[in-house]
Amino acid sequence: MKSISLKEVRSMNLEPLKVRSLGGYIFHSSDKVYKLFRTNDKDIILNKKRKIEILSVMRDYAHAFLPIEKIEDGPFWNRTLKGYTTDYRSLGIRMDSLGLDPLRSEDYLRALINASKHLKEIHERSEEIVLGDATFENIMVYPDEEGKYTETKFIDFDSIQIGELKCDAVSALLYYYFFVKRFSLNFSYLTPDMDKISHLLSFFYLIFGDDIFSIKPREFDQLSEQLNTLYRLRPTFYYLRQCCRIPDVPYLHQVIDVNDAAVLSKMLRNGVKLY
């Protein structure tokens, strides 16, 4: 895997990328994204280095921004990993922002289906990958050949779990869900079910503007009479709230109804209880 020096990166005329990242500072040029880690913890850096080296050879996977080069600092005999580069694409919209655009409700639902299918593909790979921080904020959406925003890519792949290499972060909604349910959250061993739960919690949050425990059941039931996707998710909604162990839930693409787009768009235009 190629590497570039931190000094070289600092000499470039880079623009800050308008995304939130707790794990690093992110910039871009015309063709690359540069992520510089915030931490200097040796164990965390070593964990990231091993993951980046594995991810760099996964060029057959096209639905995530994978590391291209390591950014390193120090003399050649004692180089320290400081970050990495990935490809850059303009015109991207974050999934959570796309979901609030009344003119793109159908694009949003189709993008969710694509992202969910890509998540399932990731889970089925031999590398044993779990995203951990599987929030809509970590999904970028781009225009397809017809100009519709349905093509999706995952970002922040350095924080994922790969085999025995533990995850660095989980989504805030998942963390809170485990806290309320008093489930044990072992960062050394996450399961694909946790990614699926994160996607569902993100979807509920976008619709209701609140976590799953703050959504009133009556309100959920009323809205599920208008949105078939919520109607399909009604048993899962109550199961997530009441279960006594980590639940097995469906992938989003297995329940989303694209025909909900018209109703969703109307709700957004009218400002009806949609965050």
C-alpha atoms as a PDB file:
ATOM      1  CA  MET A   1       0.000   0.000   0.000  1.00  0.00           C
ATOM      2  CA  LYS A   2       1.393   3.388  -1.000  1.00  0.00           C
ATOM      3  CA  SER A   3       1.975   6.134   1.535  1.00  0.00           C
ATOM      4  CA  ILE A   4       2.421   9.900   1.528  1.00  0.00           C
ATOM      5  CA  SER A   5       3.971  12.082   4.217  1.00  0.00           C
ATOM      6  CA  LEU A   6       2.001  14.242   6.601  1.00  0.00           C
ATOM      7  CA  LYS A   7       4.287  17.103   5.636  1.00  0.00           C
ATOM      8  CA  GLU A   8       3.257  16.735   2.000  1.00  0.00           C
ATOM      9  CA  VAL A   9      -0.430  16.741   2.937  1.00  0.00           C
ATOM     10  CA  ARG A  10      -0.005  19.890   5.014  1.00  0.00           C
ATOM     11  CA  SER A  11       1.604  21.656   2.062  1.00  0.00           C
ATOM     12  CA  MET A  12      -1.437  21.028  -0.159  1.00  0.00           C
ATOM     13  CA  ASN A  13      -4.204  23.551  -0.710  1.00  0.00           C
ATOM     14  CA  LEU A  14      -7.022  21.384   0.643  1.00  0.00           C
ATOM     15  CA  GLU A  15     -10.641  22.285   1.376  1.00  0.00           C
ATOM     16  CA  PRO A  16     -12.422  21.133   4.564  1.00  0.00           C
ATOM     17  CA  LEU A  17     -15.072  18.508   3.782  1.00  0.00           C
ATOM     18  CA  LYS A  18     -18.474  19.418   5.199  1.00  0.00           C
ATOM     19  CA  VAL A  19     -19.083  16.212   7.142  1.00  0.00           C
ATOM     20  CA  ARG A  20     -18.990  15.532  10.881  1.00  0.00           C
ATOM     21  CA  SER A  21     -16.391  13.080  12.095  1.00  0.00           C
ATOM     22  CA  LEU A  22     -15.531  12.449  15.729  1.00  0.00           C
ATOM     23  CA  GLY A  23     -12.549  10.371  14.674  1.00  0.00           C
ATOM     24  CA  GLY A  24     -10.662  12.812  12.482  1.00  0.00           C
ATOM     25  CA  TYR A  25     -10.193  15.998  10.495  1.00  0.00           C
ATOM     26  CA  ILE A  26     -11.345  15.610   6.882  1.00  0.00           C
ATOM     27  CA  PHE A  27     -10.235  17.587   3.818  1.00  0.00           C
ATOM     28  CA  HIS A  28     -10.452  17.084   0.067  1.00  0.00           C
ATOM     29  CA  SER A  29      -8.779  17.959  -3.198  1.00  0.00           C
ATOM     30  CA  SER A  30     -10.340  17.595  -6.641  1.00  0.00           C
ATOM     31  CA  ASP A  31      -9.953  13.807  -6.590  1.00  0.00           C
ATOM     32  CA  LYS A  32      -9.113  12.644  -3.050  1.00  0.00           C
ATOM     33  CA  VAL A  33     -10.336  12.829   0.535  1.00  0.00           C
ATOM     34  CA  TYR A  34      -7.710  13.168   3.273  1.00  0.00           C
ATOM     35  CA  LYS A  35      -8.622  11.995   6.763  1.00  0.00           C
ATOM     36  CA  LEU A  36      -6.257  12.829   9.640  1.00  0.00           C
ATOM     37  CA  PHE A  37      -6.841  11.013  12.912  1.00  0.00           C
ATOM     38  CA  ARG A  38      -7.504  12.972  16.101  1.00  0.00           C
ATOM     39  CA  THR A  39      -5.990  10.303  18.351  1.00  0.00           C
ATOM     40  CA  ASN A  40      -2.348   9.465  19.024  1.00  0.00           C
ATOM     41  CA  ASP A  41      -3.163   6.346  21.081  1.00  0.00           C
ATOM     42  CA  LYS A  42      -0.749   3.663  19.879  1.00  0.00           C
ATOM     43  CA  ASP A  43      -3.168   0.743  20.273  1.00  0.00           C
ATOM     44  CA  ILE A  44      -5.948   2.533  18.374  1.00  0.00           C
ATOM     45  CA  ILE A  45      -3.540   3.587  15.607  1.00  0.00           C
ATOM     46  CA  LEU A  46      -2.195   0.024  15.277  1.00  0.00           C
ATOM     47  CA  ASN A  47      -5.747  -1.313  15.067  1.00  0.00           C
ATOM     48  CA  LYS A  48      -6.605   1.221  12.347  1.00  0.00           C
ATOM     49  CA  LYS A  49      -3.396   0.459  10.446  1.00  0.00           C
ATOM     50  CA  ARG A  50      -4.179  -3.258  10.261  1.00  0.00           C
ATOM     51  CA  LYS A  51      -7.747  -2.551   9.123  1.00  0.00           C
ATOM     52  CA  ILE A  52      -6.648  -0.047   6.485  1.00  0.00           C
ATOM     53  CA  GLU A  53      -4.190  -2.560   5.029  1.00  0.00           C
ATOM     54  CA  ILE A  54      -6.981  -5.159   4.736  1.00  0.00           C
ATOM     55  CA  LEU A  55      -9.448  -2.669   3.253  1.00  0.00           C
ATOM     56  CA  SER A  56      -6.940  -1.380   0.701  1.00  0.00           C
ATOM     57  CA  VAL A  57      -7.055  -4.694  -1.189  1.00  0.00           C
ATOM     58  CA  MET A  58     -10.884  -4.907  -1.231  1.00  0.00           C
ATOM     59  CA  ARG A  59     -11.027  -3.126  -4.579  1.00  0.00           C
ATOM     60  CA  ASP A  60     -13.820  -5.444  -5.745  1.00  0.00           C
ATOM     61  CA  TYR A  61     -16.221  -3.751  -3.331  1.00  0.00           C
ATOM     62  CA  ALA A  62     -17.577  -0.607  -4.976  1.00  0.00           C
ATOM     63  CA  HIS A  63     -20.072   0.604  -2.373  1.00  0.00           C
ATOM     64  CA  ALA A  64     -17.695   2.202   0.128  1.00  0.00           C
ATOM     65  CA  PHE A  65     -14.870   4.708   0.041  1.00  0.00           C
ATOM     66  CA  LEU A  66     -11.906   2.441   0.752  1.00  0.00           C
ATOM     67  CA  PRO A  67      -8.389   3.569   1.744  1.00  0.00           C
ATOM     68  CA  ILE A  68      -5.969   4.232  -1.128  1.00  0.00           C
ATOM     69  CA  GLU A  69      -2.863   5.577   0.622  1.00  0.00           C
ATOM     70  CA  LYS A  70      -1.583   5.796   4.170  1.00  0.00           C
ATOM     71  CA  ILE A  71      -0.656   9.211   5.532  1.00  0.00           C
ATOM     72  CA  GLU A  72       2.442   8.793   7.704  1.00  0.00           C
ATOM     73  CA  ASP A  73       4.841  10.927   9.714  1.00  0.00           C
ATOM     74  CA  GLY A  74       8.365  10.481  11.048  1.00  0.00           C
ATOM     75  CA  PRO A  75      11.630   9.064   9.656  1.00  0.00           C
ATOM     76  CA  PHE A  76      11.452   6.115   7.232  1.00  0.00           C
ATOM     77  CA  TRP A  77      12.649   3.663   9.903  1.00  0.00           C
ATOM     78  CA  ASN A  78       9.911   4.692  12.349  1.00  0.00           C
ATOM     79  CA  ARG A  79       6.867   5.818  10.387  1.00  0.00           C
ATOM     80  CA  THR A  80       3.656   6.569  12.326  1.00  0.00           C
ATOM     81  CA  LEU A  81       0.202   6.320  10.752  1.00  0.00           C
ATOM     82  CA  LYS A  82      -1.584   9.678  10.855  1.00  0.00           C
ATOM     83  CA  GLY A  83      -4.458   9.060   8.460  1.00  0.00           C
ATOM     84  CA  TYR A  84      -5.340   7.867   4.979  1.00  0.00           C
ATOM     85  CA  THR A  85      -6.775   8.951   1.636  1.00  0.00           C
ATOM     86  CA  THR A  86      -9.824   7.761  -0.299  1.00  0.00           C
ATOM     87  CA  ASP A  87     -11.463   8.746  -3.578  1.00  0.00           C
ATOM     88  CA  TYR A  88     -13.452  11.991  -3.666  1.00  0.00           C
ATOM     89  CA  ARG A  89     -16.737  12.516  -5.487  1.00  0.00           C
ATOM     90  CA  SER A  90     -18.591  15.794  -5.714  1.00  0.00           C
ATOM     91  CA  LEU A  91     -22.380  16.233  -5.731  1.00  0.00           C
ATOM     92  CA  GLY A  92     -22.856  13.901  -2.766  1.00  0.00           C
ATOM     93  CA  ILE A  93     -25.690  14.313  -0.237  1.00  0.00           C
ATOM     94  CA  ARG A  94     -25.734  12.660   3.169  1.00  0.00           C
ATOM     95  CA  MET A  95     -28.553  10.129   3.547  1.00  0.00           C
ATOM     96  CA  ASP A  96     -30.111  11.894   6.537  1.00  0.00           C
ATOM     97  CA  SER A  97     -30.231  15.185   4.574  1.00  0.00           C
ATOM     98  CA  LEU A  98     -31.702  13.528   1.482  1.00  0.00           C
ATOM     99  CA  GLY A  99     -34.529  12.099   3.586  1.00  0.00           C
ATOM    100  CA  LEU A 100     -35.732  15.592   4.497  1.00  0.00           C
ATOM    101  CA  ASP A 101     -36.055  16.837   0.889  1.00  0.00           C
ATOM    102  CA  PRO A 102     -39.743  16.692  -0.189  1.00  0.00           C
ATOM    103  CA  LEU A 103     -38.730  16.711  -3.850  1.00  0.00           C
ATOM    104  CA  ARG A 104     -36.615  13.570  -3.499  1.00  0.00           C
ATOM    105  CA  SER A 105     -38.699  11.220  -1.367  1.00  0.00           C
ATOM    106  CA  GLU A 106     -38.683   8.474  -4.000  1.00  0.00           C
ATOM    107  CA  ASP A 107     -34.926   8.863  -4.452  1.00  0.00           C
ATOM    108  CA  TYR A 108     -34.537   8.611  -0.669  1.00  0.00           C
ATOM    109  CA  LEU A 109     -36.488   5.360  -0.390  1.00  0.00           C
ATOM    110  CA  ARG A 110     -34.653   3.830  -3.356  1.00  0.00           C
ATOM    111  CA  ALA A 111     -31.323   4.959  -1.882  1.00  0.00           C
ATOM    112  CA  LEU A 112     -32.255   3.324   1.430  1.00  0.00           C
ATOM    113  CA  ILE A 113     -33.022   0.085  -0.387  1.00  0.00           C
ATOM    114  CA  ASN A 114     -29.653   0.208  -2.162  1.00  0.00           C
ATOM    115  CA  ALA A 115     -27.730   1.030   1.022  1.00  0.00           C
ATOM    116  CA  SER A 116     -29.448  -1.797   2.876  1.00  0.00           C
ATOM    117  CA  LYS A 117     -28.628  -4.275   0.104  1.00  0.00           C
ATOM    118  CA  HIS A 118     -25.004  -3.105   0.190  1.00  0.00           C
ATOM    119  CA  LEU A 119     -24.974  -3.572   3.970  1.00  0.00           C
ATOM    120  CA  LYS A 120     -26.142  -7.167   3.514  1.00  0.00           C
ATOM    121  CA  GLU A 121     -23.377  -7.705   0.945  1.00  0.00           C
ATOM    122  CA  ILE A 122     -20.816  -6.424   3.450  1.00  0.00           C
ATOM    123  CA  HIS A 123     -22.087  -8.782   6.128  1.00  0.00           C
ATOM    124  CA  GLU A 124     -21.803 -11.742   3.756  1.00  0.00           C
ATOM    125  CA  ARG A 125     -18.169 -11.076   2.799  1.00  0.00           C
ATOM    126  CA  SER A 126     -15.397 -13.390   3.951  1.00  0.00           C
ATOM    127  CA  GLU A 127     -13.668 -10.556   5.849  1.00  0.00           C
ATOM    128  CA  GLU A 128     -16.395 -10.703   8.551  1.00  0.00           C
ATOM    129  CA  ILE A 129     -17.199  -6.987   8.545  1.00  0.00           C
ATOM    130  CA  VAL A 130     -19.571  -5.141  10.881  1.00  0.00           C
ATOM    131  CA  LEU A 131     -19.883  -1.372  10.417  1.00  0.00           C
ATOM    132  CA  GLY A 132     -20.681  -0.530  14.033  1.00  0.00           C
ATOM    133  CA  ASP A 133     -21.408   3.143  13.346  1.00  0.00           C
ATOM    134  CA  ALA A 134     -24.127   2.276  10.842  1.00  0.00           C
ATOM    135  CA  THR A 135     -25.888   5.620  10.920  1.00  0.00           C
ATOM    136  CA  PHE A 136     -27.392   7.498   7.966  1.00  0.00           C
ATOM    137  CA  GLU A 137     -24.733  10.182   8.557  1.00  0.00           C
ATOM    138  CA  ASN A 138     -22.166   7.671   7.282  1.00  0.00           C
ATOM    139  CA  ILE A 139     -23.941   7.034   3.975  1.00  0.00           C
ATOM    140  CA  MET A 140     -23.358   9.366   1.032  1.00  0.00           C
ATOM    141  CA  VAL A 141     -25.831   9.410  -1.862  1.00  0.00           C
ATOM    142  CA  TYR A 142     -24.908  10.345  -5.444  1.00  0.00           C
ATOM    143  CA  PRO A 143     -26.844  10.833  -8.691  1.00  0.00           C
ATOM    144  CA  ASP A 144     -27.195   7.737 -10.854  1.00  0.00           C
ATOM    145  CA  GLU A 145     -27.116   7.678 -14.664  1.00  0.00           C
ATOM    146  CA  GLU A 146     -30.594   9.231 -14.759  1.00  0.00           C
ATOM    147  CA  GLY A 147     -29.627  12.009 -12.358  1.00  0.00           C
ATOM    148  CA  LYS A 148     -31.641  10.567  -9.469  1.00  0.00           C
ATOM    149  CA  TYR A 149     -30.002  10.381  -6.044  1.00  0.00           C
ATOM    150  CA  THR A 150     -30.047   6.630  -5.496  1.00  0.00           C
ATOM    151  CA  GLU A 151     -26.387   5.522  -5.682  1.00  0.00           C
ATOM    152  CA  THR A 152     -24.959   5.021  -2.195  1.00  0.00           C
ATOM    153  CA  LYS A 153     -21.507   4.676  -0.648  1.00  0.00           C
ATOM    154  CA  PHE A 154     -20.463   4.096   2.962  1.00  0.00           C
ATOM    155  CA  ILE A 155     -17.875   6.402   4.523  1.00  0.00           C
ATOM    156  CA  ASP A 156     -15.698   6.302   7.682  1.00  0.00           C
ATOM    157  CA  PHE A 157     -14.654   2.721   7.018  1.00  0.00           C
ATOM    158  CA  ASP A 158     -11.607   2.932   9.301  1.00  0.00           C
ATOM    159  CA  SER A 159     -13.842   2.543  12.374  1.00  0.00           C
ATOM    160  CA  ILE A 160     -15.465  -0.762  11.354  1.00  0.00           C
ATOM    161  CA  GLN A 161     -14.940  -4.222  12.829  1.00  0.00           C
ATOM    162  CA  ILE A 162     -13.059  -6.698  10.628  1.00  0.00           C
ATOM    163  CA  GLY A 163     -12.770 -10.180  12.065  1.00  0.00           C
ATOM    164  CA  GLU A 164     -10.863  -9.864  15.343  1.00  0.00           C
ATOM    165  CA  LEU A 165      -9.992  -6.190  14.752  1.00  0.00           C
ATOM    166  CA  LYS A 166     -12.471  -4.371  16.960  1.00  0.00           C
ATOM    167  CA  CYS A 167     -14.761  -1.497  16.061  1.00  0.00           C
ATOM    168  CA  ASP A 168     -13.835   2.026  17.176  1.00  0.00           C
ATOM    169  CA  ALA A 169     -17.367   3.428  17.458  1.00  0.00           C
ATOM    170  CA  VAL A 170     -21.060   2.602  17.304  1.00  0.00           C
ATOM    171  CA  SER A 171     -23.943   4.868  16.375  1.00  0.00           C
ATOM    172  CA  ALA A 172     -25.312   7.072  19.159  1.00  0.00           C
ATOM    173  CA  LEU A 173     -28.811   5.662  18.633  1.00  0.00           C
ATOM    174  CA  LEU A 174     -27.556   2.080  19.017  1.00  0.00           C
ATOM    175  CA  TYR A 175     -25.517   2.985  22.099  1.00  0.00           C
ATOM    176  CA  TYR A 176     -28.556   4.609  23.717  1.00  0.00           C
ATOM    177  CA  TYR A 177     -30.765   1.640  22.763  1.00  0.00           C
ATOM    178  CA  PHE A 178     -28.362  -0.793  24.435  1.00  0.00           C
ATOM    179  CA  PHE A 179     -28.103   1.508  27.469  1.00  0.00           C
ATOM    180  CA  VAL A 180     -31.878   1.643  27.994  1.00  0.00           C
ATOM    181  CA  LYS A 181     -32.310  -2.097  27.380  1.00  0.00           C
ATOM    182  CA  ARG A 182     -29.316  -2.823  29.652  1.00  0.00           C
ATOM    183  CA  PHE A 183     -27.759  -5.014  26.976  1.00  0.00           C
ATOM    184  CA  SER A 184     -24.010  -5.585  27.122  1.00  0.00           C
ATOM    185  CA  LEU A 185     -22.219  -3.760  24.310  1.00  0.00           C
ATOM    186  CA  ASN A 186     -18.921  -5.500  23.610  1.00  0.00           C
ATOM    187  CA  PHE A 187     -16.830  -3.381  21.230  1.00  0.00           C
ATOM    188  CA  SER A 188     -14.575  -6.401  20.685  1.00  0.00           C
ATOM    189  CA  TYR A 189     -17.395  -8.430  19.175  1.00  0.00           C
ATOM    190  CA  LEU A 190     -20.248  -6.740  17.326  1.00  0.00           C
ATOM    191  CA  THR A 191     -22.743  -8.692  15.218  1.00  0.00           C
ATOM    192  CA  PRO A 192     -24.459  -7.872  11.903  1.00  0.00           C
ATOM    193  CA  ASP A 193     -27.763  -7.588  13.789  1.00  0.00           C
ATOM    194  CA  MET A 194     -26.420  -4.442  15.444  1.00  0.00           C
ATOM    195  CA  ASP A 195     -25.948  -2.769  12.053  1.00  0.00           C
ATOM    196  CA  LYS A 196     -29.484  -3.718  11.061  1.00  0.00           C
ATOM    197  CA  ILE A 197     -30.836  -2.291  14.324  1.00  0.00           C
ATOM    198  CA  SER A 198     -28.870   0.931  13.741  1.00  0.00           C
ATOM    199  CA  HIS A 199     -30.439   1.354  10.299  1.00  0.00           C
ATOM    200  CA  LEU A 200     -33.935   0.822  11.707  1.00  0.00           C
ATOM    201  CA  LEU A 201     -33.341   3.249  14.594  1.00  0.00           C
ATOM    202  CA  SER A 202     -32.033   5.842  12.112  1.00  0.00           C
ATOM    203  CA  PHE A 203     -35.115   5.382   9.934  1.00  0.00           C
ATOM    204  CA  PHE A 204     -37.475   5.810  12.901  1.00  0.00           C
ATOM    205  CA  TYR A 205     -35.533   8.873  14.050  1.00  0.00           C
ATOM    206  CA  LEU A 206     -35.818  10.511  10.639  1.00  0.00           C
ATOM    207  CA  ILE A 207     -39.590   9.963  10.560  1.00  0.00           C
ATOM    208  CA  PHE A 208     -40.420  10.873  14.172  1.00  0.00           C
ATOM    209  CA  GLY A 209     -37.469  13.038  15.227  1.00  0.00           C
ATOM    210  CA  ASP A 210     -36.902  10.976  18.367  1.00  0.00           C
ATOM    211  CA  ASP A 211     -35.417   7.757  19.712  1.00  0.00           C
ATOM    212  CA  ILE A 212     -37.519   4.602  19.645  1.00  0.00           C
ATOM    213  CA  PHE A 213     -38.414   4.778  23.351  1.00  0.00           C
ATOM    214  CA  SER A 214     -39.735   8.342  23.055  1.00  0.00           C
ATOM    215  CA  ILE A 215     -42.008   7.607  20.096  1.00  0.00           C
ATOM    216  CA  LYS A 216     -45.586   7.242  21.325  1.00  0.00           C
ATOM    217  CA  PRO A 217     -47.093   3.885  20.214  1.00  0.00           C
ATOM    218  CA  ARG A 218     -50.376   5.571  19.301  1.00  0.00           C
ATOM    219  CA  GLU A 219     -48.521   8.042  17.089  1.00  0.00           C
ATOM    220  CA  PHE A 220     -46.584   5.213  15.438  1.00  0.00           C
ATOM    221  CA  ASP A 221     -49.779   3.256  14.768  1.00  0.00           C
ATOM    222  CA  GLN A 222     -51.528   6.285  13.272  1.00  0.00           C
ATOM    223  CA  LEU A 223     -48.651   7.050  10.926  1.00  0.00           C
ATOM    224  CA  SER A 224     -48.296   3.388   9.974  1.00  0.00           C
ATOM    225  CA  GLU A 225     -51.803   3.596   8.510  1.00  0.00           C
ATOM    226  CA  GLN A 226     -50.415   6.108   5.995  1.00  0.00           C
ATOM    227  CA  LEU A 227     -46.947   4.655   5.354  1.00  0.00           C
ATOM    228  CA  ASN A 228     -46.891   1.008   4.371  1.00  0.00           C
ATOM    229  CA  THR A 229     -43.214   0.748   5.326  1.00  0.00           C
ATOM    230  CA  LEU A 230     -44.101   1.605   8.933  1.00  0.00           C
ATOM    231  CA  TYR A 231     -47.027  -0.804   8.796  1.00  0.00           C
ATOM    232  CA  ARG A 232     -44.631  -3.575   7.797  1.00  0.00           C
ATOM    233  CA  LEU A 233     -42.304  -2.508  10.608  1.00  0.00           C
ATOM    234  CA  ARG A 234     -45.012  -2.360  13.293  1.00  0.00           C
ATOM    235  CA  PRO A 235     -44.168  -5.797  14.796  1.00  0.00           C
ATOM    236  CA  THR A 236     -40.447  -4.932  14.697  1.00  0.00           C
ATOM    237  CA  PHE A 237     -41.068  -1.559  16.388  1.00  0.00           C
ATOM    238  CA  TYR A 238     -42.807  -3.181  19.354  1.00  0.00           C
ATOM    239  CA  TYR A 239     -40.352  -6.071  19.445  1.00  0.00           C
ATOM    240  CA  LEU A 240     -37.403  -3.667  19.661  1.00  0.00           C
ATOM    241  CA  ARG A 241     -39.038  -1.853  22.566  1.00  0.00           C
ATOM    242  CA  GLN A 242     -40.081  -4.947  24.534  1.00  0.00           C
ATOM    243  CA  CYS A 243     -37.496  -7.666  23.811  1.00  0.00           C
ATOM    244  CA  CYS A 244     -35.249  -9.051  26.564  1.00  0.00           C
ATOM    245  CA  ARG A 245     -32.293  -9.925  24.328  1.00  0.00           C
ATOM    246  CA  ILE A 246     -30.603  -8.502  21.250  1.00  0.00           C
ATOM    247  CA  PRO A 247     -33.261  -8.915  18.563  1.00  0.00           C
ATOM    248  CA  ASP A 248     -32.988 -10.337  15.065  1.00  0.00           C
ATOM    249  CA  VAL A 249     -34.532  -7.713  12.796  1.00  0.00           C
ATOM    250  CA  PRO A 250     -35.018  -7.379   9.015  1.00  0.00           C
ATOM    251  CA  TYR A 251     -32.817  -5.380   6.671  1.00  0.00           C
ATOM    252  CA  LEU A 252     -34.496  -2.164   5.559  1.00  0.00           C
ATOM    253  CA  HIS A 253     -34.651  -3.231   1.917  1.00  0.00           C
ATOM    254  CA  GLN A 254     -36.860  -6.141   2.975  1.00  0.00           C
ATOM    255  CA  VAL A 255     -39.608  -3.851   4.282  1.00  0.00           C
ATOM    256  CA  ILE A 256     -39.415  -0.505   2.436  1.00  0.00           C
ATOM    257  CA  ASP A 257     -42.298   0.275   0.080  1.00  0.00           C
ATOM    258  CA  VAL A 258     -41.261   2.803  -2.606  1.00  0.00           C
ATOM    259  CA  ASN A 259     -44.957   3.640  -3.089  1.00  0.00           C
ATOM    260  CA  ASP A 260     -44.739   5.546   0.213  1.00  0.00           C
ATOM    261  CA  ALA A 261     -42.838   8.294  -1.616  1.00  0.00           C
ATOM    262  CA  ALA A 262     -45.906  10.389  -2.464  1.00  0.00           C
ATOM    263  CA  VAL A 263     -47.232  10.338   1.112  1.00  0.00           C
ATOM    264  CA  LEU A 264     -43.771  11.027   2.543  1.00  0.00           C
ATOM    265  CA  SER A 265     -43.272  13.970   0.189  1.00  0.00           C
ATOM    266  CA  LYS A 266     -46.667  15.442   1.106  1.00  0.00           C
ATOM    267  CA  MET A 267     -45.892  15.122   4.822  1.00  0.00           C
ATOM    268  CA  LEU A 268     -42.564  16.921   4.350  1.00  0.00           C
ATOM    269  CA  ARG A 269     -44.170  19.755   2.386  1.00  0.00           C
ATOM    270  CA  ASN A 270     -46.862  20.198   5.031  1.00  0.00           C
ATOM    271  CA  GLY A 271     -44.452  19.872   7.952  1.00  0.00           C
ATOM    272  CA  VAL A 272     -46.357  16.946   9.447  1.00  0.00           C
ATOM    273  CA  LYS A 273     -44.403  15.469  12.362  1.00  0.00           C
ATOM    274  CA  LEU A 274     -41.342  14.654  10.316  1.00  0.00           C
ATOM    275  CA  TYR A 275     -38.023  15.663  11.822  1.00  0.00           C
END
